[in-house]
Amino acid sequence: MDYVYHYNKNNKDAWVVSLLFIFTGLAIVVYLNQYPYQPRERDYAYVGSFYAFAIWIGLGVMAIIEKLRNYAPENITAIATTIICL
């Protein structure tokens, strides 16, 4: 829902965040040639993709807010969005 909302709102920005997600996720793992089973996982290699995913989570919340604004007043929309997202 969040990526579709982002793409419909501004497709150029959606492509940039998608490339950030891919290049700092899968591409960095391929580039670093990480072994699959390590004593401790190297989660810091995925930090950039975590940021991109957090952007999409925030945009998903915005999408829910925009959908609910058509059906309820603003104060009820805020409360309903908080409950839905929890």
Protein backbone atom coordinates (compact mmCIF):
# COMPACT_ATOMS: atom_id res chain seq x y z
CA MET A 1 0.00 0.00 0.00
CA ASP A 2 2.75 2.43 0.88
CA TYR A 3 4.83 1.91 -2.26
CA VAL A 4 1.75 2.20 -4.48
CA TYR A 5 0.76 5.40 -2.67
CA HIS A 6 4.29 6.76 -3.08
CA TYR A 7 4.41 5.84 -6.77
CA ASN A 8 1.02 7.42 -7.47
CA LYS A 9 1.93 10.59 -5.55
CA ASN A 10 5.38 11.12 -7.10
CA ASN A 11 6.82 8.34 -9.21
CA LYS A 12 10.31 9.86 -9.54
CA ASP A 13 10.74 9.96 -5.78
CA ALA A 14 9.41 6.41 -5.54
CA TRP A 15 12.07 5.23 -7.96
CA VAL A 16 14.80 6.97 -5.96
CA VAL A 17 13.69 5.36 -2.70
CA SER A 18 13.35 2.00 -4.47
CA LEU A 19 16.92 2.26 -5.74
CA LEU A 20 18.09 3.25 -2.26
CA PHE A 21 16.34 0.16 -0.89
CA ILE A 22 17.86 -2.16 -3.49
CA PHE A 23 21.38 -0.72 -3.48
CA THR A 24 21.67 -0.60 0.30
CA GLY A 25 20.02 -3.97 0.78
CA LEU A 26 20.60 -6.77 -1.69
CA ALA A 27 23.29 -5.05 -3.76
CA ILE A 28 25.51 -4.25 -0.77
CA VAL A 29 25.27 -7.86 0.43
CA VAL A 30 26.32 -9.12 -3.00
CA TYR A 31 29.12 -6.56 -3.16
CA LEU A 32 30.44 -7.41 0.32
CA ASN A 33 30.09 -11.15 -0.39
CA GLN A 34 28.79 -11.92 3.08
CA TYR A 35 28.74 -15.50 4.28
CA PRO A 36 25.24 -16.76 5.10
CA TYR A 37 26.03 -18.11 8.58
CA GLN A 38 28.18 -15.87 10.71
CA PRO A 39 28.60 -15.87 14.49
CA ARG A 40 26.83 -12.55 14.57
CA GLU A 41 24.80 -11.08 11.79
CA ARG A 42 26.10 -8.00 10.07
CA ASP A 43 22.94 -5.94 10.37
CA TYR A 44 24.75 -2.67 9.89
CA ALA A 45 25.05 -3.53 6.17
CA TYR A 46 21.27 -3.18 5.90
CA VAL A 47 20.90 0.21 7.62
CA GLY A 48 20.23 2.12 4.40
CA SER A 49 17.48 -0.27 3.35
CA PHE A 50 15.99 0.05 6.85
CA TYR A 51 15.81 3.82 6.28
CA ALA A 52 14.05 3.35 2.94
CA PHE A 53 11.60 0.93 4.56
CA ALA A 54 10.94 3.47 7.33
CA ILE A 55 10.14 6.08 4.67
CA TRP A 56 7.58 3.71 3.18
CA ILE A 57 6.07 3.02 6.59
CA GLY A 58 5.57 6.76 7.11
CA LEU A 59 4.03 7.12 3.66
CA GLY A 60 1.69 4.23 4.45
CA VAL A 61 0.46 6.15 7.49
CA MET A 62 -0.09 9.19 5.27
CA ALA A 63 -2.08 7.03 2.83
CA ILE A 64 -4.32 5.80 5.64
CA ILE A 65 -4.87 9.37 6.84
CA GLU A 66 -5.81 10.56 3.35
CA LYS A 67 -8.26 7.68 2.86
CA LEU A 68 -9.95 8.24 6.22
CA ARG A 69 -10.27 12.02 5.71
CA ASN A 70 -12.96 11.34 3.12
CA TYR A 71 -15.14 9.56 5.68
CA ALA A 72 -14.57 11.27 9.04
CA PRO A 73 -13.63 14.61 10.61
CA GLU A 74 -9.97 15.38 11.20
CA ASN A 75 -9.85 14.65 14.94
CA ILE A 76 -11.52 11.24 14.47
CA THR A 77 -9.21 10.54 11.54
CA ALA A 78 -6.15 11.08 13.74
CA ILE A 79 -7.44 8.75 16.44
CA ALA A 80 -8.53 6.08 13.95
CA THR A 81 -5.19 6.19 12.13
CA THR A 82 -3.31 5.76 15.40
CA ILE A 83 -5.44 2.75 16.33
CA ILE A 84 -5.11 1.18 12.88
CA CYS A 85 -1.34 1.61 12.81
CA LEU A 86 -0.81 0.15 16.24
